[in-house]
């Protein structure tokens, strides 16, 4: 089988890959998109049944294609987002091949060479658009324990788990939403809490996403990000509400510190629960202060909301947090690892990855000419990985590719 040749190869058929195809097509740039599964595969196979998108429907927009919804203030299900991606694909008609996996990407000579499950493809340009959620991280802490374990990406519904209490390790957006779902289903839930940034779902009559856009925070460039990469703790479940872990405790969810180790059925937790909660509170209060200052400076007529600053009293699990837990004795039958994801770029056999496996790039442009990355968190600014933000990065990279092709065409 001979080597196929394309001008630009886009790897990934999620929102980033589809938008990249749209931007390239608008500029007349020939390209091919490869997707190892199906369009929007992770929305199909790596989301739980009750998940709600964290952004309100009115804010969902891909280039030239706003999300159609009769409930703009509502929050879409993962199935509805998947349908939206398929509708977008039907509109932009990307030249995509599904079920084709890229095993390696290298550059033996002047062109990139992708070794795929259907043969070799050479390309002048390659855009890696495989998304921010690549390889689930599951610590080895319980590898010797006889307990049902599943990563949040493989969790589907409460009835998937054996009867008994459930320990959720990780208090980010996924961990918190799954904890609430299981609690509402009547399960005893323990939540191992790490450092987090708590944010208001709504404040002074407006959604958090409205505030991010209104104050220009979603346009914050990567150079101004700072060293704290902690993600905001928000949810669109049950109509969308502000997550307050103290309220979780008030409802009966047991809060714990970070899971540190396990041996002979005994789990050991760090003594950092109060510190983690305080960190979340500080982020929450700082955001309200910033919003209030913005309203005052702009003389905006928005209702005041003093109750937003009310603080629930600490429950016993916070005042006297458990440091050790006999999980069998407590009746814990399942552990859900809501511990996030890590990069999975080992298939890229080029000197563009740092010691953490993260790609080196300048706003998506790799140090190797012709190689690009798209759809990663903070690629160029805060909203780079948002559905309504990936288009800006894709347009910029597509223009870079177009200009490069024009330069080559003009050379004698």
Protein backbone atom coordinates (compact mmCIF):
# COMPACT_ATOMS: atom_id res chain seq x y z
CA UNK A 1 0.00 0.00 0.00
CA UNK A 2 1.45 3.38 -1.01
CA UNK A 3 1.67 6.49 1.12
CA UNK A 4 -1.30 8.84 0.81
CA UNK A 5 -0.50 12.55 0.67
CA UNK A 6 -2.56 15.48 1.94
CA UNK A 7 -1.82 19.17 2.43
CA UNK A 8 -3.04 19.33 6.03
CA UNK A 9 -3.93 16.46 8.34
CA UNK A 10 -6.25 17.14 11.29
CA UNK A 11 -6.13 14.46 13.99
CA UNK A 12 -9.31 14.31 16.08
CA UNK A 13 -13.00 14.51 15.19
CA UNK A 14 -14.40 16.26 18.25
CA UNK A 15 -15.39 19.91 18.40
CA UNK A 16 -11.81 21.12 17.88
CA UNK A 17 -11.23 18.96 14.80
CA UNK A 18 -14.60 19.86 13.28
CA UNK A 19 -14.05 23.57 13.81
CA UNK A 20 -10.52 23.34 12.39
CA UNK A 21 -11.93 21.69 9.28
CA UNK A 22 -14.51 24.49 8.96
CA UNK A 23 -11.84 27.19 9.22
CA UNK A 24 -9.54 25.48 6.72
CA UNK A 25 -12.39 24.99 4.24
CA UNK A 26 -13.32 28.66 4.46
CA UNK A 27 -9.78 29.52 3.40
CA UNK A 28 -9.63 26.99 0.59
CA UNK A 29 -7.02 24.83 2.33
CA UNK A 30 -7.18 21.13 1.34
CA UNK A 31 -7.21 18.83 4.37
CA UNK A 32 -8.27 15.50 5.84
CA UNK A 33 -9.67 14.80 9.32
CA UNK A 34 -9.03 11.49 11.09
CA UNK A 35 -11.05 10.27 14.07
CA UNK A 36 -10.22 7.00 15.80
CA UNK A 37 -13.79 6.50 16.98
CA UNK A 38 -16.90 8.37 15.92
CA UNK A 39 -17.58 12.10 15.70
CA UNK A 40 -17.64 13.43 19.25
CA UNK A 41 -16.67 10.01 20.61
CA UNK A 42 -15.90 11.16 24.14
CA UNK A 43 -19.30 12.82 24.44
CA UNK A 44 -20.77 9.46 23.46
CA UNK A 45 -18.73 6.97 25.47
CA UNK A 46 -16.98 8.87 28.28
CA UNK A 47 -19.84 10.79 29.90
CA UNK A 48 -22.34 9.56 32.47
CA UNK A 49 -26.06 9.43 31.74
CA UNK A 50 -27.08 12.25 34.07
CA UNK A 51 -24.32 14.70 33.16
CA UNK A 52 -25.33 18.26 32.45
CA UNK A 53 -23.11 20.66 30.53
CA UNK A 54 -21.59 23.36 32.72
CA UNK A 55 -22.42 26.20 30.33
CA UNK A 56 -25.98 27.53 29.84
CA UNK A 57 -27.55 26.84 26.46
CA UNK A 58 -27.48 30.48 25.38
CA UNK A 59 -23.67 30.50 25.60
CA UNK A 60 -23.05 27.43 23.43
CA UNK A 61 -21.82 28.39 19.99
CA UNK A 62 -19.54 26.96 17.35
CA UNK A 63 -18.52 29.22 14.43
CA UNK A 64 -21.56 30.23 12.36
CA UNK A 65 -23.68 27.74 14.32
CA UNK A 66 -25.33 28.74 17.64
CA UNK A 67 -26.86 25.99 19.75
CA UNK A 68 -30.61 25.71 19.04
CA UNK A 69 -32.60 25.55 22.28
CA UNK A 70 -36.08 26.44 23.47
CA UNK A 71 -34.64 26.82 26.98
CA UNK A 72 -31.69 29.25 26.75
CA UNK A 73 -31.16 29.29 30.53
CA UNK A 74 -31.11 25.49 30.74
CA UNK A 75 -28.15 23.11 30.63
CA UNK A 76 -27.79 20.50 27.90
CA UNK A 77 -27.29 16.78 28.46
CA UNK A 78 -24.26 15.05 26.96
CA UNK A 79 -26.57 13.42 24.39
CA UNK A 80 -27.84 16.85 23.34
CA UNK A 81 -24.29 18.15 22.96
CA UNK A 82 -23.47 15.09 20.86
CA UNK A 83 -26.49 15.79 18.65
CA UNK A 84 -25.31 19.39 18.31
CA UNK A 85 -21.85 18.27 17.17
CA UNK A 86 -23.39 15.95 14.58
CA UNK A 87 -25.61 18.78 13.32
CA UNK A 88 -22.54 21.01 13.05
CA UNK A 89 -20.69 18.29 11.13
CA UNK A 90 -23.66 17.99 8.77
CA UNK A 91 -23.45 21.74 8.15
CA UNK A 92 -19.68 22.06 7.59
CA UNK A 93 -19.28 18.66 5.86
CA UNK A 94 -15.71 17.91 6.96
CA UNK A 95 -13.64 15.45 4.89
CA UNK A 96 -13.48 13.04 7.82
CA UNK A 97 -12.64 9.35 8.15
CA UNK A 98 -13.90 7.73 11.32
CA UNK A 99 -12.49 4.56 12.83
CA UNK A 100 -8.94 5.47 11.81
CA UNK A 101 -6.36 5.62 14.60
CA UNK A 102 -3.00 7.33 14.33
CA UNK A 103 -0.37 5.08 15.90
CA UNK A 104 2.63 7.37 15.42
CA UNK A 105 3.40 10.80 14.03
CA UNK A 106 6.93 11.48 12.89
CA UNK A 107 8.86 13.54 10.39
CA UNK A 108 11.44 11.41 8.61
CA UNK A 109 12.11 14.04 5.94
CA UNK A 110 10.44 17.27 4.85
CA UNK A 111 6.89 15.98 5.43
CA UNK A 112 5.11 14.64 8.46
CA UNK A 113 4.25 10.96 8.32
CA UNK A 114 1.28 9.55 10.21
CA UNK A 115 1.22 5.78 10.57
CA UNK A 116 -2.47 4.94 10.84
CA UNK A 117 -4.61 1.83 11.14
CA UNK A 118 -5.35 2.21 7.42
CA UNK A 119 -1.86 2.96 6.15
CA UNK A 120 0.62 5.82 6.03
CA UNK A 121 -0.39 9.42 5.36
CA UNK A 122 2.13 12.15 4.57
CA UNK A 123 1.23 15.78 5.21
CA UNK A 124 2.85 19.18 4.97
CA UNK A 125 0.89 20.35 8.04
CA UNK A 126 -0.60 18.49 10.99
CA UNK A 127 -3.11 19.84 13.51
CA UNK A 128 -3.40 17.74 16.67
CA UNK A 129 -6.98 18.30 17.89
CA UNK A 130 -7.46 15.36 20.22
CA UNK A 131 -9.02 17.44 23.01
CA UNK A 132 -8.19 18.19 26.65
CA UNK A 133 -9.49 14.91 28.13
CA UNK A 134 -7.14 12.21 26.85
CA UNK A 135 -5.99 9.58 29.36
CA UNK A 136 -7.89 9.13 32.64
CA UNK A 137 -5.68 9.36 35.70
CA UNK A 138 -6.23 6.57 38.22
CA UNK A 139 -3.77 6.48 41.13
CA UNK A 140 -2.36 3.15 42.24
CA UNK A 141 -3.39 3.73 45.86
CA UNK A 142 -6.00 0.95 45.90
CA UNK A 143 -4.41 -1.48 43.47
CA UNK A 144 -4.23 -4.17 46.16
CA UNK A 145 -7.70 -3.56 47.57
CA UNK A 146 -10.68 -5.77 46.70
CA UNK A 147 -13.20 -3.02 45.94
CA UNK A 148 -15.08 -2.00 42.79
CA UNK A 149 -13.25 0.92 41.14
CA UNK A 150 -14.12 3.07 38.13
CA UNK A 151 -12.86 6.35 36.72
CA UNK A 152 -15.43 9.11 36.29
CA UNK A 153 -15.08 8.75 32.51
CA UNK A 154 -16.44 5.20 32.74
CA UNK A 155 -19.15 5.89 35.35
CA UNK A 156 -22.65 5.80 33.84
CA UNK A 157 -25.34 5.67 36.53
CA UNK A 158 -25.89 4.76 40.22
CA UNK A 159 -27.17 1.28 39.37
CA UNK A 160 -23.82 0.50 37.73
CA UNK A 161 -22.29 0.33 41.22
CA UNK A 162 -22.65 -2.48 43.75
CA UNK A 163 -24.93 -1.83 46.70
CA UNK A 164 -23.32 0.05 49.55
CA UNK A 165 -21.58 3.34 50.26
CA UNK A 166 -19.52 5.06 47.56
CA UNK A 167 -16.22 6.88 47.97
CA UNK A 168 -15.56 9.56 45.37
CA UNK A 169 -11.94 10.68 45.15
CA UNK A 170 -11.74 14.16 43.68
CA UNK A 171 -13.99 17.16 44.25
CA UNK A 172 -13.81 18.89 40.88
CA UNK A 173 -16.85 19.47 38.71
CA UNK A 174 -17.26 15.77 37.84
CA UNK A 175 -16.71 14.50 41.38
CA UNK A 176 -19.11 17.01 42.88
CA UNK A 177 -21.87 16.38 40.33
CA UNK A 178 -21.57 12.59 40.65
CA UNK A 179 -21.60 12.90 44.45
CA UNK A 180 -24.86 14.84 44.28
CA UNK A 181 -26.38 12.37 41.82
CA UNK A 182 -25.54 9.39 44.03
CA UNK A 183 -26.78 11.15 47.15
CA UNK A 184 -30.09 11.96 45.45
CA UNK A 185 -30.29 8.28 44.46
CA UNK A 186 -30.18 7.35 48.14
CA UNK A 187 -26.57 6.21 48.34
CA UNK A 188 -24.25 6.98 51.24
CA UNK A 189 -21.49 9.12 49.74
CA UNK A 190 -18.01 9.99 50.95
CA UNK A 191 -16.19 12.73 49.05
CA UNK A 192 -12.41 13.12 49.22
CA UNK A 193 -11.85 16.85 48.74
CA UNK A 194 -8.82 18.49 47.15
CA UNK A 195 -7.99 22.10 46.44
CA UNK A 196 -10.71 23.75 44.38
CA UNK A 197 -12.03 27.11 43.24
CA UNK A 198 -15.68 27.45 44.16
CA UNK A 199 -17.65 29.79 41.88
CA UNK A 200 -21.24 31.11 41.92
CA UNK A 201 -23.55 29.56 39.36
CA UNK A 202 -25.46 32.83 39.27
CA UNK A 203 -24.81 36.17 40.94
CA UNK A 204 -26.86 39.34 40.94
CA UNK A 205 -29.23 37.85 38.41
CA UNK A 206 -26.62 36.69 35.88
CA UNK A 207 -24.95 33.36 35.14
CA UNK A 208 -21.24 32.86 35.79
CA UNK A 209 -20.56 32.53 32.05
CA UNK A 210 -22.23 35.90 31.49
CA UNK A 211 -19.90 37.43 34.07
CA UNK A 212 -16.81 35.87 32.48
CA UNK A 213 -17.77 37.35 29.12
CA UNK A 214 -18.98 40.71 30.43
CA UNK A 215 -15.80 41.32 32.42
CA UNK A 216 -13.60 39.94 29.64
CA UNK A 217 -12.16 37.23 31.89
CA UNK A 218 -12.75 34.54 29.27
CA UNK A 219 -10.36 36.46 27.01
CA UNK A 220 -7.55 36.44 29.57
CA UNK A 221 -4.37 35.56 27.61
CA UNK A 222 -2.29 32.61 28.67
CA UNK A 223 0.55 34.96 29.66
CA UNK A 224 -1.70 36.33 32.43
CA UNK A 225 -2.97 32.98 33.66
CA UNK A 226 -0.66 32.72 36.63
CA UNK A 227 0.65 29.55 38.21
CA UNK A 228 -2.61 28.25 39.68
CA UNK A 229 -4.24 25.82 37.23
CA UNK A 230 -7.08 24.83 39.60
CA UNK A 231 -10.34 24.49 37.66
CA UNK A 232 -13.56 26.25 38.78
CA UNK A 233 -16.14 24.15 40.60
CA UNK A 234 -19.49 24.65 38.82
CA UNK A 235 -22.42 22.49 37.76
CA UNK A 236 -25.34 22.59 35.36
CA UNK A 237 -27.16 19.70 37.06
CA UNK A 238 -30.62 20.10 38.57
CA UNK A 239 -31.18 23.46 36.94
CA UNK A 240 -27.69 24.70 37.75
CA UNK A 241 -26.77 25.85 41.22
CA UNK A 242 -23.79 27.04 43.21
CA UNK A 243 -21.83 24.13 44.64
CA UNK A 244 -21.21 24.51 48.36
CA UNK A 245 -19.46 21.48 49.84
CA UNK A 246 -20.59 22.52 53.31
CA UNK A 247 -24.16 22.10 52.07
CA UNK A 248 -23.19 18.65 50.83
CA UNK A 249 -22.04 17.86 54.38
CA UNK A 250 -25.28 19.27 55.79
CA UNK A 251 -27.21 16.91 53.50
CA UNK A 252 -25.26 13.88 54.76
CA UNK A 253 -22.33 13.55 52.38
CA UNK A 254 -19.18 12.80 54.37
CA UNK A 255 -16.32 15.15 53.44
CA UNK A 256 -12.75 13.88 53.74
CA UNK A 257 -9.30 15.24 53.05
CA UNK A 258 -7.12 14.03 50.19
CA UNK A 259 -6.68 10.26 50.00
CA UNK A 260 -3.01 9.64 50.75
CA UNK A 261 -2.59 5.89 51.06
CA UNK A 262 -4.27 2.57 51.75
CA UNK A 263 -3.15 -0.63 53.39
CA UNK A 264 -4.98 -3.71 54.66
CA UNK A 265 -8.40 -2.16 54.12
CA UNK A 266 -7.56 1.10 55.93
CA UNK A 267 -7.66 4.36 53.98
CA UNK A 268 -5.52 7.26 55.17
CA UNK A 269 -6.52 10.86 54.48
CA UNK A 270 -4.56 14.08 54.74
CA UNK A 271 -5.42 16.66 57.37
CA UNK A 272 -6.13 19.29 54.71
CA UNK A 273 -9.93 19.42 54.45
CA UNK A 274 -10.33 22.79 56.23
CA UNK A 275 -7.52 24.25 54.11
CA UNK A 276 -9.11 23.05 50.87
CA UNK A 277 -12.49 24.47 51.85
CA UNK A 278 -10.90 27.77 52.82
CA UNK A 279 -9.15 27.93 49.45
CA UNK A 280 -12.47 27.43 47.68
CA UNK A 281 -14.11 30.10 49.83
CA UNK A 282 -11.33 32.58 49.08
CA UNK A 283 -11.75 32.09 45.32
CA UNK A 284 -15.52 32.47 45.65
CA UNK A 285 -15.29 35.67 47.70
CA UNK A 286 -12.66 37.14 45.38
CA UNK A 287 -14.93 36.60 42.39
CA UNK A 288 -17.90 38.27 44.11
CA UNK A 289 -15.66 41.21 45.09
CA UNK A 290 -14.50 41.57 41.50
CA UNK A 291 -18.05 41.42 40.14
CA UNK A 292 -19.26 44.00 42.68
CA UNK A 293 -16.39 46.34 41.84
CA UNK A 294 -17.17 45.96 38.13
CA UNK A 295 -20.86 46.77 38.68
CA UNK A 296 -19.99 49.84 40.72
CA UNK A 297 -17.41 51.07 38.22
CA UNK A 298 -19.79 50.60 35.26
CA UNK A 299 -22.77 51.91 37.27
CA UNK A 300 -24.81 48.88 36.25
CA UNK A 301 -28.32 48.41 37.58
CA UNK A 302 -28.11 44.86 38.87
CA UNK A 303 -29.81 43.70 42.09
CA UNK A 304 -27.61 43.30 45.13
CA UNK A 305 -27.37 39.79 46.57
CA UNK A 306 -26.01 39.85 50.13
CA UNK A 307 -27.21 36.30 50.79
CA UNK A 308 -24.65 35.04 48.29
CA UNK A 309 -21.98 35.65 50.92
CA UNK A 310 -23.72 33.66 53.64
CA UNK A 311 -21.57 30.85 54.98
CA UNK A 312 -22.95 27.59 56.38
CA UNK A 313 -21.57 26.31 59.65
CA UNK A 314 -19.01 23.53 59.50
CA UNK A 315 -20.41 20.08 60.20
CA UNK A 316 -18.66 17.48 62.33
CA UNK A 317 -16.93 15.87 59.33
CA UNK A 318 -15.20 19.23 58.74
CA UNK A 319 -14.54 20.11 62.36
CA UNK A 320 -13.24 16.63 63.15
CA UNK A 321 -12.32 15.11 59.78
CA UNK A 322 -11.58 11.41 59.58
CA UNK A 323 -7.92 10.64 59.07
CA UNK A 324 -8.38 6.89 58.78
CA UNK A 325 -11.26 4.81 57.48
CA UNK A 326 -11.90 1.09 57.51
CA UNK A 327 -13.78 1.15 54.22
CA UNK A 328 -15.15 -2.36 54.57
CA UNK A 329 -16.38 -1.65 58.06
CA UNK A 330 -18.02 1.56 56.84
CA UNK A 331 -19.71 -0.33 54.03
CA UNK A 332 -17.88 1.25 51.11
CA UNK A 333 -18.42 -1.02 48.12
CA UNK A 334 -17.26 1.25 45.28
CA UNK A 335 -14.68 3.93 44.56
CA UNK A 336 -15.07 6.49 41.79
CA UNK A 337 -11.86 8.20 40.73
CA UNK A 338 -12.80 11.75 39.74
CA UNK A 339 -9.12 12.52 39.46
CA UNK A 340 -9.03 14.09 36.03
CA UNK A 341 -6.96 13.38 32.96
CA UNK A 342 -3.42 13.63 31.72
CA UNK A 343 -1.93 14.13 28.29
CA UNK A 344 -1.57 11.16 25.99
CA UNK A 345 0.79 12.36 23.27
CA UNK A 346 3.25 9.45 23.41
CA UNK A 347 2.39 8.65 19.81
CA UNK A 348 3.98 11.93 18.69
CA UNK A 349 7.58 10.95 17.95
CA UNK A 350 8.84 14.50 17.66
CA UNK A 351 10.77 16.72 20.09
CA UNK A 352 7.77 18.83 21.10
CA UNK A 353 6.82 17.33 24.48
CA UNK A 354 8.13 18.48 27.84
CA UNK A 355 9.05 16.22 30.75
CA UNK A 356 5.36 16.03 31.78
CA UNK A 357 4.31 14.90 28.33
CA UNK A 358 2.63 18.24 27.58
CA UNK A 359 3.16 19.80 24.14
CA UNK A 360 5.40 22.80 23.69
CA UNK A 361 3.73 25.50 21.62
CA UNK A 362 3.11 29.21 21.29
CA UNK A 363 -0.68 29.69 21.18
CA UNK A 364 -1.00 26.40 19.36
CA UNK A 365 1.97 26.77 17.03
CA UNK A 366 4.63 24.13 17.77
CA UNK A 367 8.36 24.84 17.42
CA UNK A 368 8.45 22.43 14.46
CA UNK A 369 7.11 24.28 11.38
CA UNK A 370 3.82 22.87 10.18
CA UNK A 371 2.78 21.29 13.49
CA UNK A 372 -0.13 22.73 15.47
CA UNK A 373 -2.21 21.96 18.56
CA UNK A 374 -5.86 22.93 19.08
CA UNK A 375 -8.53 22.54 21.75
CA UNK A 376 -6.23 22.39 24.79
CA UNK A 377 -7.04 24.34 27.97
CA UNK A 378 -5.47 27.79 27.89
CA UNK A 379 -4.04 27.23 24.41
CA UNK A 380 -4.02 31.01 23.94
CA UNK A 381 -6.59 32.27 26.46
CA UNK A 382 -9.04 31.12 29.10
CA UNK A 383 -11.80 30.06 26.70
CA UNK A 384 -9.56 28.15 24.28
CA UNK A 385 -11.14 24.82 25.21
CA UNK A 386 -14.70 26.18 25.49
CA UNK A 387 -17.22 25.34 22.77
CA UNK A 388 -17.62 29.07 22.17
CA UNK A 389 -13.89 29.77 22.23
CA UNK A 390 -12.17 27.11 20.12
CA UNK A 391 -13.21 28.89 16.92
CA UNK A 392 -10.91 31.87 17.53
CA UNK A 393 -7.87 29.63 17.88
CA UNK A 394 -8.87 27.52 14.88
CA UNK A 395 -9.29 30.60 12.69
CA UNK A 396 -5.87 31.91 13.70
CA UNK A 397 -4.15 28.57 13.03
CA UNK A 398 -5.98 28.12 9.73
CA UNK A 399 -4.79 31.56 8.64
CA UNK A 400 -1.25 30.62 9.63
CA UNK A 401 -1.52 27.48 7.48
CA UNK A 402 -3.04 29.42 4.56
CA UNK A 403 -0.28 32.02 4.67
CA UNK A 404 2.35 29.30 4.77
CA UNK A 405 0.85 27.60 1.75
CA UNK A 406 0.68 30.92 -0.11
CA UNK A 407 4.33 31.59 0.66
CA UNK A 408 5.35 28.20 -0.69
CA UNK A 409 3.25 28.69 -3.83
CA UNK A 410 4.93 32.02 -4.56
CA UNK A 411 8.43 30.62 -4.30
CA UNK A 412 10.23 30.13 -7.66
